[in-house]
PDB file of N, CA and C in Angstrom:
ATOM      1  N   MET A   1     -71.066-146.875-201.712  1.00  0.00           N
ATOM      2  CA  MET A   1     -70.766-148.159-201.135  1.00  0.00           C
ATOM      3  C   MET A   1     -71.741-148.419-199.989  1.00  0.00           C
ATOM      4  N   LYS A   2     -72.306-149.610-199.972  1.00  0.00           N
ATOM      5  CA  LYS A   2     -73.279-149.972-198.953  1.00  0.00           C
ATOM      6  C   LYS A   2     -72.570-150.332-197.657  1.00  0.00           C
ATOM      7  N   LYS A   3     -73.190-149.975-196.538  1.00  0.00           N
ATOM      8  CA  LYS A   3     -72.679-150.384-195.238  1.00  0.00           C
ATOM      9  C   LYS A   3     -73.161-151.796-194.962  1.00  0.00           C
ATOM     10  N   GLU A   4     -72.223-152.600-194.488  1.00  0.00           N
ATOM     11  CA  GLU A   4     -72.578-153.974-194.173  1.00  0.00           C
ATOM     12  C   GLU A   4     -72.925-154.083-192.703  1.00  0.00           C
ATOM     13  N   LYS A   5     -73.928-154.860-192.445  1.00  0.00           N
ATOM     14  CA  LYS A   5     -74.326-155.102-191.073  1.00  0.00           C
ATOM     15  C   LYS A   5     -73.902-156.509-190.687  1.00  0.00           C
ATOM     16  N   LEU A   6     -73.399-156.601-189.477  1.00  0.00           N
ATOM     17  CA  LEU A   6     -73.035-157.921-188.946  1.00  0.00           C
ATOM     18  C   LEU A   6     -74.063-158.349-187.926  1.00  0.00           C
ATOM     19  N   VAL A   7     -74.469-159.570-188.036  1.00  0.00           N
ATOM     20  CA  VAL A   7     -75.414-160.124-187.091  1.00  0.00           C
ATOM     21  C   VAL A   7     -74.749-161.338-186.452  1.00  0.00           C
ATOM     22  N   TYR A   8     -74.650-161.302-185.144  1.00  0.00           N
ATOM     23  CA  TYR A   8     -74.039-162.409-184.414  1.00  0.00           C
ATOM     24  C   TYR A   8     -75.125-163.271-183.803  1.00  0.00           C
ATOM     25  N   ARG A   9     -74.929-164.559-183.881  1.00  0.00           N
ATOM     26  CA  ARG A   9     -75.814-165.500-183.225  1.00  0.00           C
ATOM     27  C   ARG A   9     -74.981-166.347-182.278  1.00  0.00           C
ATOM     28  N   PHE A  10     -75.422-166.416-181.069  1.00  0.00           N
ATOM     29  CA  PHE A  10     -74.700-167.157-180.058  1.00  0.00           C
ATOM     30  C   PHE A  10     -75.336-168.525-179.864  1.00  0.00           C
ATOM     31  N   TYR A  11     -74.512-169.545-179.925  1.00  0.00           N
ATOM     32  CA  TYR A  11     -74.952-170.913-179.699  1.00  0.00           C
ATOM     33  C   TYR A  11     -74.197-171.483-178.504  1.00  0.00           C
ATOM     34  N   ARG A  12     -74.869-172.295-177.734  1.00  0.00           N
ATOM     35  CA  ARG A  12     -74.213-172.928-176.582  1.00  0.00           C
ATOM     36  C   ARG A  12     -73.210-173.949-177.102  1.00  0.00           C
ATOM     37  N   TYR A  13     -72.000-173.882-176.540  1.00  0.00           N
ATOM     38  CA  TYR A  13     -70.938-174.811-176.927  1.00  0.00           C
ATOM     39  C   TYR A  13     -71.163-176.135-176.215  1.00  0.00           C
ATOM     40  N   ASP A  14     -71.276-177.215-176.975  1.00  0.00           N
ATOM     41  CA  ASP A  14     -71.555-178.524-176.401  1.00  0.00           C
ATOM     42  C   ASP A  14     -70.312-179.393-176.273  1.00  0.00           C
ATOM     43  N   GLY A  15     -69.162-178.873-176.651  1.00  0.00           N
ATOM     44  CA  GLY A  15     -67.934-179.662-176.600  1.00  0.00           C
ATOM     45  C   GLY A  15     -67.314-179.715-175.219  1.00  0.00           C
ATOM     46  N   GLU A  16     -66.119-180.252-175.169  1.00  0.00           N
ATOM     47  CA  GLU A  16     -65.396-180.378-173.910  1.00  0.00           C
ATOM     48  C   GLU A  16     -64.889-179.006-173.465  1.00  0.00           C
ATOM     49  N   VAL A  17     -65.011-178.748-172.172  1.00  0.00           N
ATOM     50  CA  VAL A  17     -64.614-177.454-171.642  1.00  0.00           C
ATOM     51  C   VAL A  17     -63.096-177.405-171.506  1.00  0.00           C
ATOM     52  N   LEU A  18     -62.500-176.322-171.967  1.00  0.00           N
ATOM     53  CA  LEU A  18     -61.061-176.132-171.846  1.00  0.00           C
ATOM     54  C   LEU A  18     -60.793-175.176-170.687  1.00  0.00           C
ATOM     55  N   TYR A  19     -59.830-175.540-169.848  1.00  0.00           N
ATOM     56  CA  TYR A  19     -59.472-174.679-168.729  1.00  0.00           C
ATOM     57  C   TYR A  19     -58.085-174.092-168.980  1.00  0.00           C
ATOM     58  N   ALA A  20     -58.006-172.799-168.903  1.00  0.00           N
ATOM     59  CA  ALA A  20     -56.733-172.126-169.105  1.00  0.00           C
ATOM     60  C   ALA A  20     -55.967-172.115-167.796  1.00  0.00           C
ATOM     61  N   ARG A  21     -54.666-172.344-167.881  1.00  0.00           N
ATOM     62  CA  ARG A  21     -53.830-172.323-166.697  1.00  0.00           C
ATOM     63  C   ARG A  21     -53.268-170.922-166.517  1.00  0.00           C
ATOM     64  N   ARG A  22     -53.412-170.411-165.348  1.00  0.00           N
ATOM     65  CA  ARG A  22     -52.941-169.061-165.076  1.00  0.00           C
ATOM     66  C   ARG A  22     -51.478-169.105-164.674  1.00  0.00           C
ATOM     67  N   GLU A  23     -50.666-168.310-165.318  1.00  0.00           N
ATOM     68  CA  GLU A  23     -49.247-168.260-165.020  1.00  0.00           C
ATOM     69  C   GLU A  23     -48.990-167.451-163.763  1.00  0.00           C
ATOM     70  N   LEU A  24     -48.028-167.895-162.974  1.00  0.00           N
ATOM     71  CA  LEU A  24     -47.644-167.162-161.777  1.00  0.00           C
ATOM     72  C   LEU A  24     -46.706-166.020-162.159  1.00  0.00           C
ATOM     73  N   PRO A  25     -46.797-164.905-161.482  1.00  0.00           N
ATOM     74  CA  PRO A  25     -45.885-163.803-161.761  1.00  0.00           C
ATOM     75  C   PRO A  25     -44.436-164.180-161.428  1.00  0.00           C
ATOM     76  N   PHE A  26     -43.520-163.528-162.099  1.00  0.00           N
ATOM     77  CA  PHE A  26     -42.097-163.816-161.918  1.00  0.00           C
ATOM     78  C   PHE A  26     -41.663-163.595-160.475  1.00  0.00           C
ATOM     79  N   GLU A  27     -42.175-162.560-159.839  1.00  0.00           N
ATOM     80  CA  GLU A  27     -41.771-162.237-158.473  1.00  0.00           C
ATOM     81  C   GLU A  27     -42.135-163.355-157.506  1.00  0.00           C
ATOM     82  N   ILE A  28     -43.299-163.949-157.703  1.00  0.00           N
ATOM     83  CA  ILE A  28     -43.723-165.044-156.820  1.00  0.00           C
ATOM     84  C   ILE A  28     -42.852-166.271-157.059  1.00  0.00           C
ATOM     85  N   LYS A  29     -42.545-166.568-158.315  1.00  0.00           N
ATOM     86  CA  LYS A  29     -41.677-167.704-158.614  1.00  0.00           C
ATOM     87  C   LYS A  29     -40.293-167.510-158.005  1.00  0.00           C
ATOM     88  N   LEU A  30     -39.740-166.321-158.164  1.00  0.00           N
ATOM     89  CA  LEU A  30     -38.413-166.034-157.636  1.00  0.00           C
ATOM     90  C   LEU A  30     -38.399-166.104-156.113  1.00  0.00           C
ATOM     91  N   THR A  31     -39.382-165.506-155.479  1.00  0.00           N
ATOM     92  CA  THR A  31     -39.448-165.508-154.022  1.00  0.00           C
ATOM     93  C   THR A  31     -39.577-166.923-153.476  1.00  0.00           C
ATOM     94  N   SER A  32     -40.430-167.717-154.080  1.00  0.00           N
ATOM     95  CA  SER A  32     -40.610-169.086-153.604  1.00  0.00           C
ATOM     96  C   SER A  32     -39.345-169.908-153.798  1.00  0.00           C
ATOM     97  N   GLN A  33     -38.641-169.712-154.913  1.00  0.00           N
ATOM     98  CA  GLN A  33     -37.391-170.435-155.144  1.00  0.00           C
ATOM     99  C   GLN A  33     -36.324-170.030-154.136  1.00  0.00           C
ATOM    100  N   LEU A  34     -36.247-168.732-153.824  1.00  0.00           N
ATOM    101  CA  LEU A  34     -35.262-168.269-152.846  1.00  0.00           C
ATOM    102  C   LEU A  34     -35.569-168.799-151.448  1.00  0.00           C
ATOM    103  N   ILE A  35     -36.841-168.858-151.091  1.00  0.00           N
ATOM    104  CA  ILE A  35     -37.221-169.390-149.780  1.00  0.00           C
ATOM    105  C   ILE A  35     -36.881-170.872-149.686  1.00  0.00           C
ATOM    106  N   LEU A  36     -37.186-171.629-150.738  1.00  0.00           N
ATOM    107  CA  LEU A  36     -36.861-173.058-150.728  1.00  0.00           C
ATOM    108  C   LEU A  36     -35.359-173.291-150.673  1.00  0.00           C
ATOM    109  N   ASP A  37     -34.591-172.474-151.389  1.00  0.00           N
ATOM    110  CA  ASP A  37     -33.130-172.590-151.335  1.00  0.00           C
ATOM    111  C   ASP A  37     -32.604-172.318-149.937  1.00  0.00           C
ATOM    112  N   GLU A  38     -33.147-171.310-149.279  1.00  0.00           N
ATOM    113  CA  GLU A  38     -32.714-170.977-147.923  1.00  0.00           C
ATOM    114  C   GLU A  38     -33.055-172.093-146.950  1.00  0.00           C
ATOM    115  N   ILE A  39     -34.240-172.679-147.077  1.00  0.00           N
ATOM    116  CA  ILE A  39     -34.642-173.779-146.207  1.00  0.00           C
ATOM    117  C   ILE A  39     -33.722-174.982-146.403  1.00  0.00           C
ATOM    118  N   CYS A  40     -33.436-175.328-147.655  1.00  0.00           N
ATOM    119  CA  CYS A  40     -32.553-176.468-147.936  1.00  0.00           C
ATOM    120  C   CYS A  40     -31.136-176.207-147.429  1.00  0.00           C
ATOM    121  N   PHE A  41     -30.646-174.987-147.620  1.00  0.00           N
ATOM    122  CA  PHE A  41     -29.308-174.627-147.154  1.00  0.00           C
ATOM    123  C   PHE A  41     -29.212-174.790-145.648  1.00  0.00           C
ATOM    124  N   ASN A  42     -30.175-174.258-144.912  1.00  0.00           N
ATOM    125  CA  ASN A  42     -30.149-174.348-143.452  1.00  0.00           C
ATOM    126  C   ASN A  42     -30.270-175.791-142.972  1.00  0.00           C
ATOM    127  N   TRP A  43     -31.119-176.579-143.628  1.00  0.00           N
ATOM    128  CA  TRP A  43     -31.281-177.978-143.226  1.00  0.00           C
ATOM    129  C   TRP A  43     -29.989-178.755-143.458  1.00  0.00           C
ATOM    130  N   ASN A  44     -29.372-178.558-144.628  1.00  0.00           N
ATOM    131  CA  ASN A  44     -28.120-179.259-144.922  1.00  0.00           C
ATOM    132  C   ASN A  44     -27.010-178.836-143.972  1.00  0.00           C
ATOM    133  N   LYS A  45     -26.955-177.558-143.628  1.00  0.00           N
ATOM    134  CA  LYS A  45     -25.929-177.058-142.720  1.00  0.00           C
ATOM    135  C   LYS A  45     -26.105-177.656-141.323  1.00  0.00           C
ATOM    136  N   LYS A  46     -27.329-177.701-140.824  1.00  0.00           N
ATOM    137  CA  LYS A  46     -27.570-178.275-139.492  1.00  0.00           C
ATOM    138  C   LYS A  46     -27.258-179.770-139.467  1.00  0.00           C
ATOM    139  N   LYS A  47     -27.592-180.463-140.551  1.00  0.00           N
ATOM    140  CA  LYS A  47     -27.304-181.902-140.621  1.00  0.00           C
ATOM    141  C   LYS A  47     -25.799-182.129-140.615  1.00  0.00           C
ATOM    142  N   LEU A  48     -25.067-181.328-141.358  1.00  0.00           N
ATOM    143  CA  LEU A  48     -23.616-181.446-141.407  1.00  0.00           C
ATOM    144  C   LEU A  48     -22.990-181.097-140.056  1.00  0.00           C
ATOM    145  N   GLU A  49     -23.535-180.088-139.377  1.00  0.00           N
ATOM    146  CA  GLU A  49     -23.032-179.734-138.046  1.00  0.00           C
ATOM    147  C   GLU A  49     -23.234-180.884-137.059  1.00  0.00           C
ATOM    148  N   SER A  50     -24.380-181.529-137.129  1.00  0.00           N
ATOM    149  CA  SER A  50     -24.616-182.652-136.214  1.00  0.00           C
ATOM    150  C   SER A  50     -23.681-183.821-136.525  1.00  0.00           C
ATOM    151  N   GLU A  51     -23.389-184.058-137.802  1.00  0.00           N
ATOM    152  CA  GLU A  51     -22.446-185.114-138.158  1.00  0.00           C
ATOM    153  C   GLU A  51     -21.031-184.761-137.709  1.00  0.00           C
ATOM    154  N   LEU A  52     -20.678-183.489-137.817  1.00  0.00           N
ATOM    155  CA  LEU A  52     -19.371-183.045-137.326  1.00  0.00           C
ATOM    156  C   LEU A  52     -19.265-183.233-135.814  1.00  0.00           C
ATOM    157  N   ASN A  53     -20.296-182.860-135.086  1.00  0.00           N
ATOM    158  CA  ASN A  53     -20.296-183.041-133.636  1.00  0.00           C
ATOM    159  C   ASN A  53     -20.200-184.511-133.256  1.00  0.00           C
ATOM    160  N   HIS A  54     -20.864-185.352-134.020  1.00  0.00           N
ATOM    161  CA  HIS A  54     -20.787-186.788-133.761  1.00  0.00           C
ATOM    162  C   HIS A  54     -19.371-187.303-134.028  1.00  0.00           C
ATOM    163  N   ALA A  55     -18.727-186.797-135.088  1.00  0.00           N
ATOM    164  CA  ALA A  55     -17.352-187.207-135.385  1.00  0.00           C
ATOM    165  C   ALA A  55     -16.399-186.758-134.276  1.00  0.00           C
ATOM    166  N   ILE A  56     -16.632-185.567-133.726  1.00  0.00           N
ATOM    167  CA  ILE A  56     -15.800-185.086-132.618  1.00  0.00           C
ATOM    168  C   ILE A  56     -16.025-185.950-131.381  1.00  0.00           C
ATOM    169  N   ASP A  57     -17.284-186.279-131.090  1.00  0.00           N
ATOM    170  CA  ASP A  57     -17.594-187.085-129.911  1.00  0.00           C
ATOM    171  C   ASP A  57     -17.001-188.481-129.989  1.00  0.00           C
ATOM    172  N   THR A  58     -16.949-189.046-131.193  1.00  0.00           N
ATOM    173  CA  THR A  58     -16.426-190.411-131.355  1.00  0.00           C
ATOM    174  C   THR A  58     -14.940-190.424-131.683  1.00  0.00           C
ATOM    175  N   ASN A  59     -14.285-189.262-131.701  1.00  0.00           N
ATOM    176  CA  ASN A  59     -12.845-189.139-131.999  1.00  0.00           C
ATOM    177  C   ASN A  59     -12.484-189.758-133.347  1.00  0.00           C
ATOM    178  N   SER A  60     -13.340-189.547-134.345  1.00  0.00           N
ATOM    179  CA  SER A  60     -13.089-190.056-135.693  1.00  0.00           C
ATOM    180  C   SER A  60     -12.444-188.946-136.518  1.00  0.00           C
ATOM    181  N   LYS A  61     -11.116-189.025-136.628  1.00  0.00           N
ATOM    182  CA  LYS A  61     -10.369-187.967-137.300  1.00  0.00           C
ATOM    183  C   LYS A  61     -10.652-187.941-138.804  1.00  0.00           C
ATOM    184  N   GLU A  62     -10.743-189.107-139.427  1.00  0.00           N
ATOM    185  CA  GLU A  62     -10.991-189.171-140.872  1.00  0.00           C
ATOM    186  C   GLU A  62     -12.352-188.570-141.228  1.00  0.00           C
ATOM    187  N   ALA A  63     -13.364-188.920-140.461  1.00  0.00           N
ATOM    188  CA  ALA A  63     -14.707-188.390-140.717  1.00  0.00           C
ATOM    189  C   ALA A  63     -14.745-186.884-140.463  1.00  0.00           C
ATOM    190  N   PHE A  64     -14.034-186.444-139.413  1.00  0.00           N
ATOM    191  CA  PHE A  64     -14.004-185.015-139.107  1.00  0.00           C
ATOM    192  C   PHE A  64     -13.355-184.222-140.234  1.00  0.00           C
ATOM    193  N   LEU A  65     -12.231-184.696-140.759  1.00  0.00           N
ATOM    194  CA  LEU A  65     -11.548-183.978-141.849  1.00  0.00           C
ATOM    195  C   LEU A  65     -12.406-183.942-143.116  1.00  0.00           C
ATOM    196  N   ARG A  66     -13.051-185.075-143.415  1.00  0.00           N
ATOM    197  CA  ARG A  66     -13.915-185.132-144.608  1.00  0.00           C
ATOM    198  C   ARG A  66     -15.104-184.180-144.464  1.00  0.00           C
ATOM    199  N   LEU A  67     -15.744-184.192-143.301  1.00  0.00           N
ATOM    200  CA  LEU A  67     -16.912-183.351-143.086  1.00  0.00           C
ATOM    201  C   LEU A  67     -16.548-181.873-142.959  1.00  0.00           C
ATOM    202  N   SER A  68     -15.376-181.575-142.408  1.00  0.00           N
ATOM    203  CA  SER A  68     -14.971-180.174-142.279  1.00  0.00           C
ATOM    204  C   SER A  68     -14.701-179.550-143.648  1.00  0.00           C
ATOM    205  N   GLU A  69     -14.226-180.364-144.592  1.00  0.00           N
ATOM    206  CA  GLU A  69     -14.055-179.854-145.967  1.00  0.00           C
ATOM    207  C   GLU A  69     -15.412-179.486-146.570  1.00  0.00           C
ATOM    208  N   LEU A  70     -16.407-180.311-146.331  1.00  0.00           N
ATOM    209  CA  LEU A  70     -17.749-180.013-146.845  1.00  0.00           C
ATOM    210  C   LEU A  70     -18.352-178.810-146.138  1.00  0.00           C
ATOM    211  N   TYR A  71     -18.063-178.681-144.848  1.00  0.00           N
ATOM    212  CA  TYR A  71     -18.649-177.597-144.061  1.00  0.00           C
ATOM    213  C   TYR A  71     -18.085-176.233-144.455  1.00  0.00           C
ATOM    214  N   ARG A  72     -16.899-176.201-145.006  1.00  0.00           N
ATOM    215  CA  ARG A  72     -16.300-174.922-145.423  1.00  0.00           C
ATOM    216  C   ARG A  72     -17.139-174.204-146.469  1.00  0.00           C
ATOM    217  N   ASN A  73     -17.855-174.960-147.286  1.00  0.00           N
ATOM    218  CA  ASN A  73     -18.727-174.339-148.291  1.00  0.00           C
ATOM    219  C   ASN A  73     -19.881-173.586-147.656  1.00  0.00           C
ATOM    220  N   TYR A  74     -20.271-173.977-146.453  1.00  0.00           N
ATOM    221  CA  TYR A  74     -21.415-173.351-145.790  1.00  0.00           C
ATOM    222  C   TYR A  74     -21.029-172.123-144.986  1.00  0.00           C
ATOM    223  N   ILE A  75     -19.766-171.999-144.632  1.00  0.00           N
ATOM    224  CA  ILE A  75     -19.355-170.845-143.835  1.00  0.00           C
ATOM    225  C   ILE A  75     -18.508-169.877-144.626  1.00  0.00           C
ATOM    226  N   TRP A  76     -18.293-170.141-145.898  1.00  0.00           N
ATOM    227  CA  TRP A  76     -17.473-169.271-146.738  1.00  0.00           C
ATOM    228  C   TRP A  76     -18.180-167.942-146.978  1.00  0.00           C
ATOM    229  N   GLU A  77     -17.462-166.850-146.766  1.00  0.00           N
ATOM    230  CA  GLU A  77     -18.013-165.527-147.018  1.00  0.00           C
ATOM    231  C   GLU A  77     -17.035-164.758-147.885  1.00  0.00           C
ATOM    232  N   SER A  78     -17.580-163.910-148.750  1.00  0.00           N
ATOM    233  CA  SER A  78     -16.711-163.140-149.636  1.00  0.00           C
ATOM    234  C   SER A  78     -16.332-161.823-149.027  1.00  0.00           C
TER     235      SER A  78
END
């Protein structure tokens, strides 16, 4: 049986260049999501605290009760 030889010829590609998108590692995605969640949680908690303080200052009992129910989700611990 004869051995076959392969000969490669390289030609410059004249078409449109394709760029591959590099995927981010799972650890980076998870870390960034956890950081964003923590930032949003803290911002929402501070905003709710300021609204609660405003309700206390203005003696608005209805607003205080409504906001205190929402605030319980932020201070709940298992």
